[in-house]
N, C-alpha and C. Protein backbone atom coordinates (compact mmCIF):
# COMPACT_ATOMS: atom_id res chain seq x y z
N MET A 1 -44.21 -18.85 -71.26
CA MET A 1 -44.03 -18.12 -72.53
C MET A 1 -43.44 -19.07 -73.58
N ALA A 2 -44.05 -19.10 -74.74
CA ALA A 2 -43.61 -19.97 -75.83
C ALA A 2 -42.29 -19.45 -76.40
N SER A 3 -41.40 -20.39 -76.74
CA SER A 3 -40.12 -19.95 -77.28
C SER A 3 -39.51 -20.95 -78.26
N TYR A 4 -38.82 -20.37 -79.26
CA TYR A 4 -38.04 -21.16 -80.21
C TYR A 4 -36.60 -21.19 -79.75
N LYS A 5 -35.94 -22.30 -80.07
CA LYS A 5 -34.53 -22.43 -79.71
C LYS A 5 -33.87 -23.38 -80.69
N ILE A 6 -32.65 -23.03 -81.13
CA ILE A 6 -31.86 -23.94 -81.96
C ILE A 6 -30.79 -24.54 -81.07
N VAL A 7 -30.71 -25.88 -81.10
CA VAL A 7 -29.76 -26.61 -80.28
C VAL A 7 -29.01 -27.60 -81.16
N PRO A 8 -27.87 -28.10 -80.69
CA PRO A 8 -27.17 -29.15 -81.45
C PRO A 8 -28.08 -30.38 -81.61
N TYR A 9 -28.00 -30.99 -82.77
CA TYR A 9 -28.82 -32.17 -83.06
C TYR A 9 -28.35 -33.37 -82.25
N SER A 10 -29.33 -34.11 -81.77
CA SER A 10 -29.10 -35.41 -81.13
C SER A 10 -29.98 -36.42 -81.86
N THR A 11 -29.51 -37.65 -82.01
CA THR A 11 -30.33 -38.64 -82.72
C THR A 11 -31.65 -38.88 -82.00
N ASN A 12 -31.71 -38.55 -80.72
CA ASN A 12 -33.00 -38.63 -80.00
C ASN A 12 -34.02 -37.69 -80.62
N HIS A 13 -33.56 -36.52 -81.09
CA HIS A 13 -34.47 -35.58 -81.74
C HIS A 13 -35.07 -36.22 -82.99
N GLY A 14 -34.24 -36.87 -83.78
CA GLY A 14 -34.71 -37.53 -84.99
C GLY A 14 -35.71 -38.62 -84.68
N GLU A 15 -35.42 -39.41 -83.67
CA GLU A 15 -36.34 -40.48 -83.28
C GLU A 15 -37.68 -39.90 -82.82
N GLU A 16 -37.64 -38.80 -82.08
CA GLU A 16 -38.88 -38.17 -81.61
C GLU A 16 -39.68 -37.61 -82.78
N ILE A 17 -39.00 -36.99 -83.74
CA ILE A 17 -39.68 -36.46 -84.93
C ILE A 17 -40.37 -37.59 -85.68
N ILE A 18 -39.67 -38.69 -85.90
CA ILE A 18 -40.23 -39.82 -86.64
C ILE A 18 -41.39 -40.44 -85.87
N GLU A 19 -41.23 -40.59 -84.57
CA GLU A 19 -42.29 -41.17 -83.74
C GLU A 19 -43.55 -40.29 -83.74
N PHE A 20 -43.37 -38.97 -83.65
CA PHE A 20 -44.50 -38.05 -83.66
C PHE A 20 -45.21 -38.05 -85.01
N GLY A 21 -44.43 -38.21 -86.08
CA GLY A 21 -44.96 -38.23 -87.43
C GLY A 21 -44.25 -37.22 -88.31
N MET A 22 -43.84 -37.68 -89.46
CA MET A 22 -43.13 -36.83 -90.41
C MET A 22 -44.11 -35.86 -91.08
N ASN A 23 -43.58 -34.83 -91.73
CA ASN A 23 -44.40 -33.80 -92.35
C ASN A 23 -45.09 -34.26 -93.63
N ASP A 24 -44.75 -35.43 -94.15
CA ASP A 24 -45.40 -35.95 -95.35
C ASP A 24 -45.32 -37.47 -95.32
N LYS A 25 -46.38 -38.12 -95.72
CA LYS A 25 -46.42 -39.59 -95.71
C LYS A 25 -45.30 -40.19 -96.56
N LEU A 26 -44.88 -39.48 -97.62
CA LEU A 26 -43.78 -39.96 -98.46
C LEU A 26 -42.50 -40.16 -97.65
N MET A 27 -42.32 -39.35 -96.60
CA MET A 27 -41.10 -39.42 -95.80
C MET A 27 -41.12 -40.56 -94.80
N ASP A 28 -42.31 -41.07 -94.48
CA ASP A 28 -42.40 -42.19 -93.54
C ASP A 28 -41.63 -43.40 -94.06
N ILE A 29 -41.71 -43.64 -95.35
CA ILE A 29 -41.00 -44.77 -95.95
C ILE A 29 -39.48 -44.56 -95.80
N ASP A 30 -39.01 -43.37 -96.15
CA ASP A 30 -37.58 -43.08 -96.05
C ASP A 30 -37.10 -43.21 -94.61
N ALA A 31 -37.87 -42.72 -93.65
CA ALA A 31 -37.48 -42.76 -92.25
C ALA A 31 -37.40 -44.18 -91.72
N SER A 32 -38.12 -45.10 -92.35
CA SER A 32 -38.10 -46.49 -91.88
C SER A 32 -36.78 -47.20 -92.21
N PHE A 33 -36.00 -46.65 -93.14
CA PHE A 33 -34.71 -47.24 -93.50
C PHE A 33 -33.63 -46.67 -92.57
N THR A 34 -33.68 -47.07 -91.30
CA THR A 34 -32.82 -46.46 -90.28
C THR A 34 -31.33 -46.62 -90.58
N GLU A 35 -30.92 -47.72 -91.19
CA GLU A 35 -29.50 -47.91 -91.46
C GLU A 35 -29.00 -47.02 -92.59
N ASN A 36 -29.90 -46.44 -93.38
CA ASN A 36 -29.50 -45.59 -94.50
C ASN A 36 -29.70 -44.10 -94.24
N ARG A 37 -30.29 -43.74 -93.12
CA ARG A 37 -30.52 -42.32 -92.83
C ARG A 37 -29.18 -41.63 -92.58
N ILE A 38 -29.10 -40.37 -93.02
CA ILE A 38 -27.86 -39.62 -92.82
C ILE A 38 -28.04 -38.52 -91.78
N ASP A 39 -28.88 -38.76 -90.80
CA ASP A 39 -29.12 -37.76 -89.76
C ASP A 39 -28.05 -37.89 -88.67
N PHE A 40 -26.83 -37.52 -89.05
CA PHE A 40 -25.70 -37.66 -88.14
C PHE A 40 -25.60 -36.45 -87.20
N ALA A 41 -25.31 -36.72 -85.95
CA ALA A 41 -25.12 -35.67 -84.95
C ALA A 41 -23.67 -35.22 -84.98
N ILE A 42 -23.32 -34.41 -85.97
CA ILE A 42 -21.95 -33.93 -86.13
C ILE A 42 -21.88 -32.54 -85.50
N PRO A 43 -21.05 -32.36 -84.47
CA PRO A 43 -20.96 -31.04 -83.83
C PRO A 43 -20.63 -29.94 -84.83
N GLY A 44 -21.41 -28.86 -84.77
CA GLY A 44 -21.21 -27.72 -85.66
C GLY A 44 -21.82 -27.89 -87.04
N LEU A 45 -22.29 -29.10 -87.35
CA LEU A 45 -22.85 -29.35 -88.68
C LEU A 45 -24.30 -29.84 -88.65
N SER A 46 -24.89 -29.93 -87.45
CA SER A 46 -26.27 -30.40 -87.35
C SER A 46 -26.98 -29.64 -86.23
N PHE A 47 -28.29 -29.51 -86.37
CA PHE A 47 -29.07 -28.69 -85.44
C PHE A 47 -30.51 -29.20 -85.34
N THR A 48 -31.20 -28.74 -84.31
CA THR A 48 -32.63 -28.99 -84.14
C THR A 48 -33.30 -27.68 -83.76
N LEU A 49 -34.44 -27.41 -84.39
CA LEU A 49 -35.27 -26.29 -84.00
C LEU A 49 -36.32 -26.82 -83.03
N LEU A 50 -36.30 -26.27 -81.82
CA LEU A 50 -37.26 -26.66 -80.79
C LEU A 50 -38.28 -25.55 -80.60
N PHE A 51 -39.50 -25.93 -80.29
CA PHE A 51 -40.51 -24.99 -79.83
C PHE A 51 -41.04 -25.55 -78.52
N ASN A 52 -40.86 -24.81 -77.46
CA ASN A 52 -41.22 -25.28 -76.12
C ASN A 52 -40.59 -26.65 -75.85
N ASN A 53 -39.34 -26.78 -76.23
CA ASN A 53 -38.54 -27.99 -76.02
C ASN A 53 -39.02 -29.22 -76.78
N GLN A 54 -39.87 -29.04 -77.79
CA GLN A 54 -40.29 -30.14 -78.65
C GLN A 54 -39.67 -29.92 -80.03
N PRO A 55 -39.05 -30.96 -80.61
CA PRO A 55 -38.42 -30.79 -81.92
C PRO A 55 -39.44 -30.58 -83.03
N ILE A 56 -39.24 -29.50 -83.78
CA ILE A 56 -40.05 -29.20 -84.95
C ILE A 56 -39.38 -29.82 -86.17
N LEU A 57 -38.07 -29.59 -86.28
CA LEU A 57 -37.30 -30.14 -87.38
C LEU A 57 -35.84 -30.22 -86.97
N SER A 58 -35.13 -31.06 -87.65
CA SER A 58 -33.68 -31.18 -87.48
C SER A 58 -33.06 -31.17 -88.87
N GLY A 59 -31.82 -30.75 -88.93
CA GLY A 59 -31.13 -30.73 -90.22
C GLY A 59 -29.64 -30.64 -90.02
N GLY A 60 -28.94 -30.78 -91.12
CA GLY A 60 -27.50 -30.69 -91.04
C GLY A 60 -26.84 -30.99 -92.36
N ILE A 61 -25.54 -31.06 -92.29
CA ILE A 61 -24.72 -31.32 -93.47
C ILE A 61 -23.70 -32.40 -93.12
N VAL A 62 -23.58 -33.37 -94.00
CA VAL A 62 -22.58 -34.41 -93.86
C VAL A 62 -21.49 -34.11 -94.89
N PRO A 63 -20.25 -33.86 -94.44
CA PRO A 63 -19.17 -33.57 -95.39
C PRO A 63 -18.87 -34.79 -96.26
N LEU A 64 -18.73 -34.54 -97.56
CA LEU A 64 -18.33 -35.61 -98.48
C LEU A 64 -16.84 -35.54 -98.73
N TRP A 65 -16.34 -34.35 -98.97
CA TRP A 65 -14.91 -34.04 -99.08
C TRP A 65 -14.79 -32.53 -98.92
N ASP A 66 -13.58 -32.01 -98.93
CA ASP A 66 -13.38 -30.58 -98.71
C ASP A 66 -14.28 -29.75 -99.63
N GLY A 67 -15.09 -28.90 -99.02
CA GLY A 67 -15.91 -27.97 -99.77
C GLY A 67 -17.26 -28.49 -100.23
N VAL A 68 -17.54 -29.77 -100.06
CA VAL A 68 -18.79 -30.36 -100.56
C VAL A 68 -19.48 -31.11 -99.43
N GLY A 69 -20.79 -30.83 -99.26
CA GLY A 69 -21.55 -31.49 -98.22
C GLY A 69 -22.93 -31.90 -98.69
N GLU A 70 -23.44 -32.96 -98.09
CA GLU A 70 -24.78 -33.48 -98.36
C GLU A 70 -25.71 -32.99 -97.26
N GLY A 71 -26.73 -32.20 -97.63
CA GLY A 71 -27.67 -31.68 -96.66
C GLY A 71 -28.80 -32.65 -96.37
N TRP A 72 -29.34 -32.55 -95.17
CA TRP A 72 -30.49 -33.38 -94.78
C TRP A 72 -31.40 -32.59 -93.84
N ILE A 73 -32.69 -32.93 -93.88
CA ILE A 73 -33.67 -32.33 -92.99
C ILE A 73 -34.70 -33.40 -92.63
N LEU A 74 -35.05 -33.46 -91.35
CA LEU A 74 -36.16 -34.27 -90.86
C LEU A 74 -37.17 -33.29 -90.27
N SER A 75 -38.41 -33.32 -90.76
CA SER A 75 -39.44 -32.40 -90.26
C SER A 75 -40.62 -33.19 -89.73
N SER A 76 -41.12 -32.77 -88.58
CA SER A 76 -42.30 -33.42 -88.02
C SER A 76 -43.57 -32.71 -88.49
N LYS A 77 -44.71 -33.31 -88.20
CA LYS A 77 -45.99 -32.68 -88.51
C LYS A 77 -46.14 -31.36 -87.76
N ARG A 78 -45.38 -31.16 -86.70
CA ARG A 78 -45.45 -29.89 -85.95
C ARG A 78 -45.08 -28.69 -86.82
N ILE A 79 -44.36 -28.93 -87.90
CA ILE A 79 -43.90 -27.84 -88.76
C ILE A 79 -45.07 -27.02 -89.31
N PHE A 80 -46.23 -27.64 -89.47
CA PHE A 80 -47.37 -26.94 -90.06
C PHE A 80 -47.84 -25.77 -89.20
N ASN A 81 -47.54 -25.80 -87.92
CA ASN A 81 -47.89 -24.68 -87.03
C ASN A 81 -46.74 -23.68 -86.88
N HIS A 82 -45.63 -23.95 -87.56
CA HIS A 82 -44.43 -23.12 -87.41
C HIS A 82 -43.72 -22.94 -88.75
N LYS A 83 -44.46 -22.81 -89.83
CA LYS A 83 -43.88 -22.79 -91.18
C LYS A 83 -42.85 -21.68 -91.39
N ILE A 84 -43.21 -20.46 -91.03
CA ILE A 84 -42.33 -19.32 -91.32
C ILE A 84 -41.05 -19.41 -90.49
N GLN A 85 -41.20 -19.62 -89.19
CA GLN A 85 -40.02 -19.72 -88.32
C GLN A 85 -39.13 -20.89 -88.74
N SER A 86 -39.74 -22.00 -89.13
CA SER A 86 -38.98 -23.17 -89.56
C SER A 86 -38.19 -22.89 -90.83
N ALA A 87 -38.86 -22.30 -91.82
CA ALA A 87 -38.19 -22.01 -93.10
C ALA A 87 -37.03 -21.05 -92.90
N ILE A 88 -37.26 -19.99 -92.15
CA ILE A 88 -36.21 -19.01 -91.90
C ILE A 88 -35.05 -19.64 -91.14
N SER A 89 -35.36 -20.45 -90.13
CA SER A 89 -34.32 -21.10 -89.33
C SER A 89 -33.45 -22.02 -90.16
N VAL A 90 -34.07 -22.83 -91.02
CA VAL A 90 -33.31 -23.76 -91.86
C VAL A 90 -32.41 -22.98 -92.81
N LYS A 91 -32.95 -21.99 -93.48
CA LYS A 91 -32.15 -21.22 -94.45
C LYS A 91 -30.95 -20.56 -93.77
N LYS A 92 -31.19 -19.86 -92.67
CA LYS A 92 -30.10 -19.18 -91.97
C LYS A 92 -29.07 -20.17 -91.45
N ARG A 93 -29.53 -21.26 -90.86
CA ARG A 93 -28.61 -22.21 -90.24
C ARG A 93 -27.77 -22.93 -91.30
N LEU A 94 -28.37 -23.37 -92.40
CA LEU A 94 -27.59 -24.06 -93.44
C LEU A 94 -26.56 -23.11 -94.07
N ASP A 95 -26.98 -21.86 -94.33
CA ASP A 95 -26.03 -20.89 -94.89
C ASP A 95 -24.88 -20.64 -93.92
N LEU A 96 -25.19 -20.53 -92.64
CA LEU A 96 -24.17 -20.30 -91.62
C LEU A 96 -23.21 -21.50 -91.52
N ILE A 97 -23.75 -22.70 -91.54
CA ILE A 97 -22.91 -23.90 -91.49
C ILE A 97 -21.97 -23.94 -92.69
N CYS A 98 -22.51 -23.64 -93.87
CA CYS A 98 -21.66 -23.65 -95.08
C CYS A 98 -20.57 -22.60 -94.98
N GLU A 99 -20.93 -21.41 -94.54
CA GLU A 99 -19.94 -20.33 -94.41
C GLU A 99 -18.86 -20.69 -93.38
N ASN A 100 -19.27 -21.17 -92.24
CA ASN A 100 -18.32 -21.47 -91.15
C ASN A 100 -17.43 -22.68 -91.44
N ASN A 101 -17.85 -23.53 -92.37
CA ASN A 101 -17.10 -24.75 -92.66
C ASN A 101 -16.53 -24.77 -94.08
N ASN A 102 -16.52 -23.60 -94.74
CA ASN A 102 -15.95 -23.47 -96.07
C ASN A 102 -16.55 -24.49 -97.06
N ILE A 103 -17.88 -24.63 -96.99
CA ILE A 103 -18.59 -25.52 -97.92
C ILE A 103 -19.10 -24.66 -99.07
N TRP A 104 -18.59 -24.92 -100.28
CA TRP A 104 -19.02 -24.14 -101.43
C TRP A 104 -20.08 -24.84 -102.26
N ARG A 105 -20.26 -26.14 -102.03
CA ARG A 105 -21.33 -26.87 -102.72
C ARG A 105 -22.14 -27.64 -101.68
N LEU A 106 -23.43 -27.28 -101.60
CA LEU A 106 -24.37 -28.00 -100.74
C LEU A 106 -25.31 -28.75 -101.66
N GLN A 107 -25.42 -30.05 -101.46
CA GLN A 107 -26.29 -30.84 -102.31
C GLN A 107 -27.20 -31.71 -101.45
N THR A 108 -28.29 -32.16 -102.06
CA THR A 108 -29.21 -33.06 -101.37
C THR A 108 -29.98 -33.84 -102.42
N ALA A 109 -30.69 -34.86 -101.98
CA ALA A 109 -31.56 -35.64 -102.85
C ALA A 109 -33.00 -35.44 -102.37
N VAL A 110 -33.90 -35.15 -103.31
CA VAL A 110 -35.31 -34.93 -102.98
C VAL A 110 -36.14 -35.92 -103.78
N LYS A 111 -36.96 -36.68 -103.07
CA LYS A 111 -37.82 -37.68 -103.70
C LYS A 111 -38.68 -37.03 -104.79
N GLU A 112 -38.74 -37.67 -105.96
CA GLU A 112 -39.43 -37.11 -107.13
C GLU A 112 -40.88 -36.71 -106.81
N GLU A 113 -41.60 -37.51 -106.07
CA GLU A 113 -43.01 -37.23 -105.78
C GLU A 113 -43.20 -36.18 -104.69
N PHE A 114 -42.14 -35.82 -103.99
CA PHE A 114 -42.24 -34.89 -102.86
C PHE A 114 -42.17 -33.45 -103.37
N LYS A 115 -43.27 -32.99 -103.95
CA LYS A 115 -43.33 -31.66 -104.59
C LYS A 115 -43.02 -30.55 -103.59
N THR A 116 -43.54 -30.64 -102.36
CA THR A 116 -43.27 -29.62 -101.35
C THR A 116 -41.79 -29.58 -101.02
N GLY A 117 -41.15 -30.73 -100.92
CA GLY A 117 -39.72 -30.80 -100.63
C GLY A 117 -38.89 -30.17 -101.73
N LYS A 118 -39.28 -30.40 -102.98
CA LYS A 118 -38.55 -29.81 -104.11
C LYS A 118 -38.71 -28.30 -104.11
N ARG A 119 -39.95 -27.81 -103.88
CA ARG A 119 -40.17 -26.35 -103.82
C ARG A 119 -39.38 -25.72 -102.68
N PHE A 120 -39.31 -26.41 -101.54
CA PHE A 120 -38.56 -25.88 -100.40
C PHE A 120 -37.08 -25.82 -100.73
N ALA A 121 -36.55 -26.87 -101.34
CA ALA A 121 -35.13 -26.89 -101.73
C ALA A 121 -34.84 -25.74 -102.70
N GLU A 122 -35.75 -25.50 -103.63
CA GLU A 122 -35.57 -24.39 -104.57
C GLU A 122 -35.61 -23.05 -103.82
N TRP A 123 -36.51 -22.91 -102.84
CA TRP A 123 -36.59 -21.69 -102.04
C TRP A 123 -35.28 -21.47 -101.28
N LEU A 124 -34.64 -22.54 -100.86
CA LEU A 124 -33.35 -22.45 -100.16
C LEU A 124 -32.22 -22.07 -101.12
N GLY A 125 -32.49 -22.10 -102.42
CA GLY A 125 -31.47 -21.73 -103.40
C GLY A 125 -30.84 -22.91 -104.12
N LEU A 126 -31.34 -24.11 -103.88
CA LEU A 126 -30.80 -25.28 -104.57
C LEU A 126 -31.49 -25.42 -105.93
N LYS A 127 -30.72 -25.87 -106.91
CA LYS A 127 -31.25 -26.06 -108.26
C LYS A 127 -31.17 -27.54 -108.62
N SER A 128 -32.15 -27.97 -109.39
CA SER A 128 -32.17 -29.36 -109.83
C SER A 128 -31.06 -29.61 -110.85
N GLU A 129 -30.32 -30.68 -110.64
CA GLU A 129 -29.27 -31.06 -111.58
C GLU A 129 -29.67 -32.31 -112.37
N GLY A 130 -30.86 -32.80 -112.11
CA GLY A 130 -31.34 -33.95 -112.85
C GLY A 130 -32.00 -34.99 -111.96
N LEU A 131 -32.64 -35.94 -112.62
CA LEU A 131 -33.36 -37.01 -111.94
C LEU A 131 -32.47 -38.25 -111.81
N MET A 132 -32.33 -38.74 -110.61
CA MET A 132 -31.55 -39.97 -110.37
C MET A 132 -32.56 -41.13 -110.28
N GLN A 133 -32.55 -41.95 -111.28
CA GLN A 133 -33.51 -43.05 -111.34
C GLN A 133 -33.12 -44.19 -110.40
N MET A 134 -34.14 -44.72 -109.72
CA MET A 134 -33.99 -45.85 -108.79
C MET A 134 -32.91 -45.57 -107.73
N TYR A 135 -32.82 -44.34 -107.26
CA TYR A 135 -31.80 -43.92 -106.31
C TYR A 135 -32.13 -44.32 -104.87
N GLY A 136 -33.39 -44.22 -104.50
CA GLY A 136 -33.78 -44.46 -103.10
C GLY A 136 -33.68 -45.90 -102.67
N PRO A 137 -33.67 -46.10 -101.34
CA PRO A 137 -33.59 -47.46 -100.81
C PRO A 137 -34.80 -48.31 -101.23
N ASP A 138 -35.88 -47.65 -101.61
CA ASP A 138 -37.07 -48.35 -102.10
C ASP A 138 -37.18 -48.26 -103.63
N LYS A 139 -36.06 -47.95 -104.28
CA LYS A 139 -35.93 -47.87 -105.74
C LYS A 139 -36.76 -46.75 -106.36
N THR A 140 -37.05 -45.70 -105.59
CA THR A 140 -37.76 -44.54 -106.14
C THR A 140 -36.77 -43.56 -106.72
N ASN A 141 -37.29 -42.67 -107.55
CA ASN A 141 -36.47 -41.65 -108.20
C ASN A 141 -36.32 -40.43 -107.30
N TYR A 142 -35.17 -39.79 -107.38
CA TYR A 142 -34.87 -38.58 -106.61
C TYR A 142 -34.24 -37.55 -107.52
N TYR A 143 -34.51 -36.27 -107.22
CA TYR A 143 -33.80 -35.19 -107.88
C TYR A 143 -32.51 -34.91 -107.12
N ARG A 144 -31.43 -34.69 -107.85
CA ARG A 144 -30.19 -34.18 -107.23
C ARG A 144 -30.33 -32.67 -107.27
N MET A 145 -30.32 -32.06 -106.09
CA MET A 145 -30.46 -30.62 -105.95
C MET A 145 -29.16 -30.09 -105.36
N ALA A 146 -28.70 -28.92 -105.81
CA ALA A 146 -27.44 -28.38 -105.30
C ALA A 146 -27.46 -26.86 -105.32
N LYS A 147 -26.68 -26.30 -104.41
CA LYS A 147 -26.47 -24.85 -104.33
C LYS A 147 -24.97 -24.60 -104.30
N ILE A 148 -24.53 -23.72 -105.19
CA ILE A 148 -23.14 -23.31 -105.21
C ILE A 148 -23.07 -21.92 -104.55
N TYR A 149 -22.27 -21.81 -103.53
CA TYR A 149 -22.14 -20.53 -102.84
C TYR A 149 -21.20 -19.65 -103.65
N GLU A 150 -21.71 -18.56 -104.18
CA GLU A 150 -20.99 -17.65 -105.07
C GLU A 150 -19.68 -17.14 -104.48
N LEU A 151 -19.65 -16.96 -103.19
CA LEU A 151 -18.48 -16.45 -102.49
C LEU A 151 -17.23 -17.29 -102.80
N HIS A 152 -17.43 -18.54 -103.17
CA HIS A 152 -16.30 -19.44 -103.41
C HIS A 152 -16.04 -19.71 -104.88
N ARG A 153 -16.72 -19.02 -105.76
CA ARG A 153 -16.52 -19.27 -107.21
C ARG A 153 -15.25 -18.68 -107.70
C-alpha cells in the first residue's frame, strides 16, 4: 500500500533528491553549490516528505535570530506526481514549525527566473519585498520573499 510520511530531514535526503533530479533545471545550478546550500538537518526545524520511503521534497527553516528564519525547500522531479500532497505538506509543516518555534517572520530567496517557485512562495503566503541583484552564487537575481505571521504583530 502506497503511503506518505513526514520524517526529520537528513542530508542524505537532500543528496538523493539532487541525484534523482531537481524539479526545475534552474535549481540544478543552485544545488551544485554544495558549500552554500542551507539544507541543514536541524531537529524540529527541517523535514522530508516521503512517498513509499522515497524523498519527494525536503524543507526547513534556518534561524537567523529570535523570531526570524530563512526557509528552504529542495524538490525532486517526483513532485510532479504528488503536487497536491506536497503543497499541502509544505504549507502545514512550515506554519507548524513557525508556530512551535515562535518565528514571526519567515523569509526566503527565490531565483528571478523561477516563476513556479515564486508562485508557490506566494501561495504559501510570502510576499515579494524586492529584487536582490546579483544575489546568487552564480550572480543571478533573486526575489526576497517573506511572510509575517499575524499572531505576532
